[in-house]
């Protein structure tokens, strides 16, 4: 698992930017630029005042604080082949608050050029599994 994280964070193929729209539970939408090859979690980062509590483990797949919800169409489009949820991601999502069939962890979702303009919903509440 660690080797995948190292590749994801250090990849030489990080070229270009896309716009990702994060929709908060109150309907507020915030646009952010994401670098292709980075993860969705890296777009928001840790300790971001616009997204309190998001990404507390800083992308180490250990807290579920980067939980995002994709539309069914986007989930089907981006959750194929190598991008499918790992067993570890499924376990962490199952312990999060109100996971949906289209939930993903932002630290496991790599940004692709086709994601330009994607809307990712943030759940109304997040749970830091490290605090349990």
N, C-alpha and C. Protein backbone atom coordinates (compact mmCIF):
# COMPACT_ATOMS: atom_id res chain seq x y z
N UNK A 1 0.82 -1.20 0.00
CA UNK A 1 0.00 0.00 0.00
C UNK A 1 0.85 1.25 0.00
N UNK A 2 1.91 1.26 0.78
CA UNK A 2 2.77 2.43 0.85
C UNK A 2 3.38 2.74 -0.50
N UNK A 3 3.77 1.71 -1.24
CA UNK A 3 4.39 1.96 -2.54
C UNK A 3 3.43 2.67 -3.48
N UNK A 4 2.13 2.37 -3.42
CA UNK A 4 1.16 3.08 -4.24
C UNK A 4 1.10 4.55 -3.85
N UNK A 5 1.14 4.83 -2.55
CA UNK A 5 1.10 6.22 -2.10
C UNK A 5 2.33 6.97 -2.56
N UNK A 6 3.50 6.33 -2.47
CA UNK A 6 4.73 7.00 -2.90
C UNK A 6 4.65 7.31 -4.38
N UNK A 7 4.19 6.38 -5.20
CA UNK A 7 4.06 6.63 -6.63
C UNK A 7 3.08 7.77 -6.88
N UNK A 8 1.95 7.74 -6.18
CA UNK A 8 0.92 8.75 -6.41
C UNK A 8 1.43 10.13 -6.08
N UNK A 9 2.18 10.28 -4.99
CA UNK A 9 2.64 11.59 -4.57
C UNK A 9 3.88 12.04 -5.33
N UNK A 10 4.64 11.15 -5.88
CA UNK A 10 5.91 11.50 -6.52
C UNK A 10 5.90 11.29 -8.02
N UNK A 11 4.78 11.02 -8.59
CA UNK A 11 4.70 10.70 -10.01
C UNK A 11 5.21 11.83 -10.88
N UNK A 12 5.98 11.45 -11.89
CA UNK A 12 6.48 12.43 -12.87
C UNK A 12 5.38 12.80 -13.87
N UNK A 13 4.28 12.06 -13.85
CA UNK A 13 3.24 12.29 -14.85
C UNK A 13 2.21 13.32 -14.40
N UNK A 14 2.50 14.10 -13.37
CA UNK A 14 1.59 15.13 -12.89
C UNK A 14 1.67 16.33 -13.83
N UNK A 15 0.80 16.38 -14.82
CA UNK A 15 0.80 17.47 -15.78
C UNK A 15 -0.61 17.99 -15.94
N UNK A 16 -0.76 19.28 -15.91
CA UNK A 16 -2.06 19.88 -16.16
C UNK A 16 -2.92 20.00 -14.91
N UNK A 17 -3.97 20.77 -15.06
CA UNK A 17 -4.87 21.06 -13.95
C UNK A 17 -6.31 20.90 -14.41
N UNK A 18 -7.19 20.56 -13.47
CA UNK A 18 -8.63 20.48 -13.72
C UNK A 18 -9.36 21.22 -12.60
N UNK A 19 -10.58 21.61 -12.88
CA UNK A 19 -11.42 22.23 -11.87
C UNK A 19 -12.27 21.15 -11.22
N UNK A 20 -12.23 21.12 -9.89
CA UNK A 20 -13.08 20.21 -9.13
C UNK A 20 -14.00 21.06 -8.27
N UNK A 21 -15.28 20.71 -8.28
CA UNK A 21 -16.27 21.46 -7.51
C UNK A 21 -16.66 20.61 -6.31
N UNK A 22 -16.44 21.16 -5.13
CA UNK A 22 -16.82 20.48 -3.90
C UNK A 22 -18.13 21.08 -3.42
N UNK A 23 -19.12 20.23 -3.19
CA UNK A 23 -20.42 20.68 -2.71
C UNK A 23 -20.59 20.28 -1.25
N UNK A 24 -20.70 21.29 -0.40
CA UNK A 24 -20.91 21.04 1.03
C UNK A 24 -22.34 20.59 1.27
N UNK A 25 -22.60 20.07 2.43
CA UNK A 25 -23.93 19.54 2.74
C UNK A 25 -25.01 20.62 2.72
N UNK A 26 -24.62 21.90 2.89
CA UNK A 26 -25.60 22.99 2.84
C UNK A 26 -25.85 23.48 1.41
N UNK A 27 -25.22 22.83 0.42
CA UNK A 27 -25.41 23.20 -0.97
C UNK A 27 -24.37 24.18 -1.51
N UNK A 28 -23.56 24.75 -0.63
CA UNK A 28 -22.50 25.67 -1.05
C UNK A 28 -21.52 24.92 -1.93
N UNK A 29 -21.16 25.53 -3.05
CA UNK A 29 -20.19 24.91 -3.97
C UNK A 29 -18.92 25.76 -4.00
N UNK A 30 -17.79 25.08 -3.86
CA UNK A 30 -16.49 25.74 -3.90
C UNK A 30 -15.64 25.10 -4.98
N UNK A 31 -15.13 25.92 -5.90
CA UNK A 31 -14.28 25.41 -6.97
C UNK A 31 -12.82 25.44 -6.53
N UNK A 32 -12.12 24.38 -6.86
CA UNK A 32 -10.69 24.30 -6.57
C UNK A 32 -9.97 23.71 -7.77
N UNK A 33 -8.72 24.08 -7.96
CA UNK A 33 -7.91 23.48 -9.02
C UNK A 33 -7.19 22.26 -8.47
N UNK A 34 -7.22 21.20 -9.24
CA UNK A 34 -6.52 19.97 -8.86
C UNK A 34 -5.53 19.60 -9.93
N UNK A 35 -4.36 19.19 -9.49
CA UNK A 35 -3.31 18.80 -10.43
C UNK A 35 -3.52 17.36 -10.86
N UNK A 36 -3.50 17.13 -12.15
CA UNK A 36 -3.69 15.78 -12.69
C UNK A 36 -2.59 14.87 -12.13
N UNK A 37 -3.00 13.73 -11.60
CA UNK A 37 -2.07 12.78 -10.99
C UNK A 37 -2.05 12.87 -9.48
N UNK A 38 -2.46 14.02 -8.92
CA UNK A 38 -2.58 14.15 -7.47
C UNK A 38 -3.88 13.48 -7.03
N UNK A 39 -4.15 13.48 -5.74
CA UNK A 39 -5.40 12.92 -5.24
C UNK A 39 -6.37 14.05 -4.93
N UNK A 40 -7.64 13.70 -4.84
CA UNK A 40 -8.67 14.67 -4.47
C UNK A 40 -8.37 15.24 -3.08
N UNK A 41 -7.87 14.42 -2.18
CA UNK A 41 -7.55 14.89 -0.83
C UNK A 41 -6.50 15.99 -0.88
N UNK A 42 -5.54 15.89 -1.78
CA UNK A 42 -4.49 16.89 -1.88
C UNK A 42 -5.02 18.24 -2.34
N UNK A 43 -6.14 18.26 -3.05
CA UNK A 43 -6.72 19.52 -3.52
C UNK A 43 -7.14 20.37 -2.32
N UNK A 44 -7.79 19.76 -1.36
CA UNK A 44 -8.23 20.49 -0.17
C UNK A 44 -7.13 20.56 0.86
N UNK A 45 -6.45 19.45 1.07
CA UNK A 45 -5.39 19.42 2.07
C UNK A 45 -5.93 19.36 3.48
N UNK A 46 -5.03 19.48 4.41
CA UNK A 46 -5.34 19.40 5.83
C UNK A 46 -5.41 20.82 6.40
N UNK A 47 -6.22 21.02 7.41
CA UNK A 47 -6.35 22.30 8.10
C UNK A 47 -6.80 23.43 7.18
N UNK A 48 -7.68 23.14 6.24
CA UNK A 48 -8.21 24.15 5.34
C UNK A 48 -9.45 24.76 5.99
N UNK A 49 -9.47 26.08 6.22
CA UNK A 49 -10.62 26.68 6.92
C UNK A 49 -11.95 26.55 6.18
N UNK A 50 -11.90 26.38 4.85
CA UNK A 50 -13.14 26.19 4.10
C UNK A 50 -13.71 24.79 4.26
N UNK A 51 -12.87 23.85 4.70
CA UNK A 51 -13.28 22.45 4.84
C UNK A 51 -12.79 21.92 6.19
N UNK A 52 -13.38 22.37 7.29
CA UNK A 52 -12.88 21.95 8.60
C UNK A 52 -12.95 20.44 8.81
N UNK A 53 -11.83 19.89 9.30
CA UNK A 53 -11.76 18.46 9.60
C UNK A 53 -11.44 17.58 8.42
N UNK A 54 -11.42 18.13 7.21
CA UNK A 54 -11.20 17.32 6.02
C UNK A 54 -9.73 16.91 5.93
N UNK A 55 -9.50 15.65 5.63
CA UNK A 55 -8.15 15.15 5.37
C UNK A 55 -7.22 15.12 6.56
N UNK A 56 -7.74 14.81 7.73
CA UNK A 56 -6.94 14.85 8.95
C UNK A 56 -5.73 13.93 8.94
N UNK A 57 -5.81 12.81 8.25
CA UNK A 57 -4.66 11.89 8.25
C UNK A 57 -3.67 12.24 7.14
N UNK A 58 -3.98 13.28 6.39
CA UNK A 58 -3.09 13.79 5.34
C UNK A 58 -2.80 12.74 4.27
N UNK A 59 -3.82 11.95 3.94
CA UNK A 59 -3.69 11.01 2.82
C UNK A 59 -3.08 9.67 3.14
N UNK A 60 -3.11 9.26 4.39
CA UNK A 60 -2.50 7.97 4.76
C UNK A 60 -3.51 6.83 4.86
N UNK A 61 -4.72 7.03 4.39
CA UNK A 61 -5.76 6.00 4.37
C UNK A 61 -6.01 5.44 5.77
N UNK A 62 -6.26 6.36 6.72
CA UNK A 62 -6.46 5.87 8.08
C UNK A 62 -7.55 6.59 8.87
N UNK A 63 -8.35 7.47 8.23
CA UNK A 63 -9.30 8.20 9.08
C UNK A 63 -10.70 8.39 8.49
N UNK A 64 -10.92 8.32 7.24
CA UNK A 64 -12.17 8.55 6.52
C UNK A 64 -12.58 10.03 6.48
N UNK A 65 -11.71 10.93 6.87
CA UNK A 65 -12.02 12.37 6.88
C UNK A 65 -12.00 13.00 5.49
N UNK A 66 -11.63 12.25 4.48
CA UNK A 66 -11.64 12.79 3.11
C UNK A 66 -12.74 12.12 2.28
N UNK A 67 -13.78 11.67 2.96
CA UNK A 67 -14.92 11.01 2.35
C UNK A 67 -15.59 11.97 1.36
N UNK A 68 -15.75 11.54 0.12
CA UNK A 68 -16.49 12.29 -0.89
C UNK A 68 -17.52 11.38 -1.52
N UNK A 69 -18.56 11.97 -2.08
CA UNK A 69 -19.63 11.20 -2.71
C UNK A 69 -19.74 11.64 -4.17
N UNK A 70 -19.60 10.70 -5.07
CA UNK A 70 -19.70 10.96 -6.50
C UNK A 70 -21.12 10.70 -6.96
N UNK A 71 -21.50 11.33 -8.06
CA UNK A 71 -22.78 10.98 -8.68
C UNK A 71 -22.64 9.55 -9.19
N UNK A 72 -23.75 8.88 -9.40
CA UNK A 72 -23.71 7.51 -9.92
C UNK A 72 -23.00 7.46 -11.27
N UNK A 73 -23.28 8.44 -12.12
CA UNK A 73 -22.65 8.49 -13.44
C UNK A 73 -21.13 8.63 -13.33
N UNK A 74 -20.67 9.55 -12.46
CA UNK A 74 -19.23 9.73 -12.31
C UNK A 74 -18.58 8.53 -11.63
N UNK A 75 -19.27 7.95 -10.66
CA UNK A 75 -18.73 6.77 -9.98
C UNK A 75 -18.49 5.65 -10.99
N UNK A 76 -19.49 5.41 -11.83
CA UNK A 76 -19.36 4.35 -12.84
C UNK A 76 -18.24 4.67 -13.84
N UNK A 77 -18.09 5.93 -14.14
CA UNK A 77 -17.09 6.37 -15.11
C UNK A 77 -15.66 6.22 -14.58
N UNK A 78 -15.46 6.53 -13.29
CA UNK A 78 -14.10 6.56 -12.75
C UNK A 78 -13.76 5.39 -11.84
N UNK A 79 -14.70 4.51 -11.58
CA UNK A 79 -14.41 3.39 -10.68
C UNK A 79 -14.29 2.09 -11.47
N UNK A 80 -13.40 2.09 -12.43
CA UNK A 80 -13.16 0.90 -13.24
C UNK A 80 -11.68 0.58 -13.25
N UNK A 81 -11.38 -0.65 -13.62
CA UNK A 81 -10.00 -1.12 -13.73
C UNK A 81 -9.20 -0.82 -12.47
N UNK A 82 -8.07 -0.14 -12.63
CA UNK A 82 -7.15 0.11 -11.52
C UNK A 82 -7.68 1.10 -10.49
N UNK A 83 -8.75 1.77 -10.81
CA UNK A 83 -9.27 2.80 -9.91
C UNK A 83 -10.31 2.26 -8.92
N UNK A 84 -10.59 0.99 -8.98
CA UNK A 84 -11.62 0.44 -8.09
C UNK A 84 -11.18 0.54 -6.64
N UNK A 85 -12.15 0.56 -5.77
CA UNK A 85 -11.86 0.63 -4.34
C UNK A 85 -11.05 -0.58 -3.90
N UNK A 86 -10.08 -0.31 -3.06
CA UNK A 86 -9.32 -1.40 -2.47
C UNK A 86 -10.08 -1.92 -1.25
N UNK A 87 -9.68 -3.05 -0.77
CA UNK A 87 -10.30 -3.62 0.43
C UNK A 87 -10.11 -2.65 1.61
N UNK A 88 -8.92 -2.05 1.70
CA UNK A 88 -8.63 -1.11 2.80
C UNK A 88 -9.57 0.09 2.74
N UNK A 89 -9.78 0.63 1.54
CA UNK A 89 -10.68 1.77 1.40
C UNK A 89 -12.10 1.38 1.78
N UNK A 90 -12.55 0.22 1.36
CA UNK A 90 -13.89 -0.25 1.70
C UNK A 90 -14.08 -0.38 3.21
N UNK A 91 -13.07 -0.91 3.89
CA UNK A 91 -13.16 -1.08 5.35
C UNK A 91 -13.29 0.28 6.03
N UNK A 92 -12.49 1.24 5.61
CA UNK A 92 -12.54 2.57 6.23
C UNK A 92 -13.86 3.26 5.90
N UNK A 93 -14.31 3.16 4.67
CA UNK A 93 -15.59 3.77 4.32
C UNK A 93 -16.75 3.15 5.08
N UNK A 94 -16.70 1.86 5.31
CA UNK A 94 -17.80 1.20 6.04
C UNK A 94 -17.90 1.70 7.48
N UNK A 95 -16.81 2.22 8.01
CA UNK A 95 -16.83 2.76 9.38
C UNK A 95 -17.12 4.26 9.40
N UNK A 96 -17.22 4.88 8.23
CA UNK A 96 -17.51 6.32 8.19
C UNK A 96 -19.01 6.54 8.44
N UNK A 97 -19.36 7.79 8.63
CA UNK A 97 -20.76 8.13 8.89
C UNK A 97 -21.50 8.21 7.56
N UNK A 98 -22.57 7.45 7.44
CA UNK A 98 -23.44 7.45 6.27
C UNK A 98 -22.73 7.26 4.92
N UNK A 99 -21.97 6.19 4.77
CA UNK A 99 -21.39 5.95 3.44
C UNK A 99 -22.49 5.62 2.44
N UNK A 100 -22.25 5.94 1.20
CA UNK A 100 -23.21 5.64 0.14
C UNK A 100 -22.56 4.65 -0.83
N UNK A 101 -23.35 4.08 -1.73
CA UNK A 101 -22.75 3.17 -2.72
C UNK A 101 -21.73 3.87 -3.63
N UNK A 102 -21.78 5.20 -3.71
CA UNK A 102 -20.84 5.93 -4.57
C UNK A 102 -19.82 6.73 -3.76
N UNK A 103 -19.62 6.36 -2.51
CA UNK A 103 -18.63 7.02 -1.67
C UNK A 103 -17.22 6.58 -2.05
N UNK A 104 -16.29 7.50 -1.93
CA UNK A 104 -14.88 7.21 -2.11
C UNK A 104 -14.11 8.03 -1.08
N UNK A 105 -12.88 7.62 -0.82
CA UNK A 105 -11.98 8.43 -0.01
C UNK A 105 -11.17 9.29 -0.96
N UNK A 106 -11.09 10.57 -0.67
CA UNK A 106 -10.36 11.48 -1.53
C UNK A 106 -8.89 11.12 -1.67
N UNK A 107 -8.32 10.48 -0.64
CA UNK A 107 -6.91 10.10 -0.71
C UNK A 107 -6.68 8.91 -1.64
N UNK A 108 -7.75 8.26 -2.06
CA UNK A 108 -7.64 7.10 -2.96
C UNK A 108 -8.14 7.40 -4.36
N UNK A 109 -8.59 8.61 -4.58
CA UNK A 109 -9.17 8.99 -5.87
C UNK A 109 -8.19 9.91 -6.60
N UNK A 110 -7.53 9.38 -7.61
CA UNK A 110 -6.54 10.12 -8.37
C UNK A 110 -7.21 10.99 -9.42
N UNK A 111 -6.76 12.23 -9.52
CA UNK A 111 -7.33 13.19 -10.46
C UNK A 111 -6.89 12.86 -11.88
N UNK A 112 -7.88 12.84 -12.77
CA UNK A 112 -7.66 12.53 -14.18
C UNK A 112 -8.17 13.69 -15.02
N UNK A 113 -7.67 13.86 -16.24
CA UNK A 113 -8.12 14.96 -17.09
C UNK A 113 -9.64 14.98 -17.28
N UNK A 114 -10.25 13.81 -17.35
CA UNK A 114 -11.70 13.72 -17.58
C UNK A 114 -12.52 14.20 -16.38
N UNK A 115 -11.88 14.47 -15.27
CA UNK A 115 -12.59 14.93 -14.07
C UNK A 115 -12.83 16.44 -14.08
N UNK A 116 -12.40 17.13 -15.12
CA UNK A 116 -12.58 18.58 -15.16
C UNK A 116 -14.06 18.92 -15.03
N UNK A 117 -14.41 19.69 -14.00
CA UNK A 117 -15.79 20.09 -13.76
C UNK A 117 -16.58 19.14 -12.90
N UNK A 118 -15.98 18.05 -12.43
CA UNK A 118 -16.70 17.06 -11.61
C UNK A 118 -17.18 17.72 -10.31
N UNK A 119 -18.36 17.30 -9.86
CA UNK A 119 -18.91 17.75 -8.58
C UNK A 119 -18.77 16.61 -7.59
N UNK A 120 -18.07 16.88 -6.49
CA UNK A 120 -17.91 15.90 -5.42
C UNK A 120 -18.64 16.43 -4.19
N UNK A 121 -19.59 15.65 -3.71
CA UNK A 121 -20.35 16.07 -2.53
C UNK A 121 -19.59 15.65 -1.27
N UNK A 122 -19.63 16.53 -0.29
CA UNK A 122 -19.04 16.24 1.01
C UNK A 122 -20.16 15.85 1.96
N UNK A 123 -19.96 14.80 2.74
CA UNK A 123 -21.02 14.40 3.67
C UNK A 123 -21.21 15.46 4.76
N UNK A 124 -22.39 15.49 5.38
CA UNK A 124 -22.65 16.50 6.39
C UNK A 124 -21.77 16.35 7.64
N UNK A 125 -21.26 15.16 7.84
CA UNK A 125 -20.46 14.90 9.03
C UNK A 125 -19.35 13.90 8.66
N UNK A 126 -18.19 14.11 9.23
CA UNK A 126 -17.08 13.17 9.01
C UNK A 126 -16.64 12.59 10.34
N UNK A 127 -16.02 11.44 10.26
CA UNK A 127 -15.56 10.76 11.46
C UNK A 127 -14.08 10.45 11.30
N UNK A 128 -13.31 10.91 12.27
CA UNK A 128 -11.88 10.60 12.28
C UNK A 128 -11.71 9.28 13.01
N UNK A 129 -11.46 8.22 12.24
CA UNK A 129 -11.36 6.89 12.83
C UNK A 129 -10.18 6.75 13.78
N UNK A 130 -9.20 7.62 13.64
CA UNK A 130 -8.05 7.58 14.55
C UNK A 130 -8.46 8.00 15.96
N UNK A 131 -9.56 8.74 16.08
CA UNK A 131 -10.02 9.23 17.38
C UNK A 131 -10.93 8.22 18.10
N UNK A 132 -11.22 7.13 17.44
CA UNK A 132 -12.15 6.14 18.03
C UNK A 132 -11.42 5.18 18.93
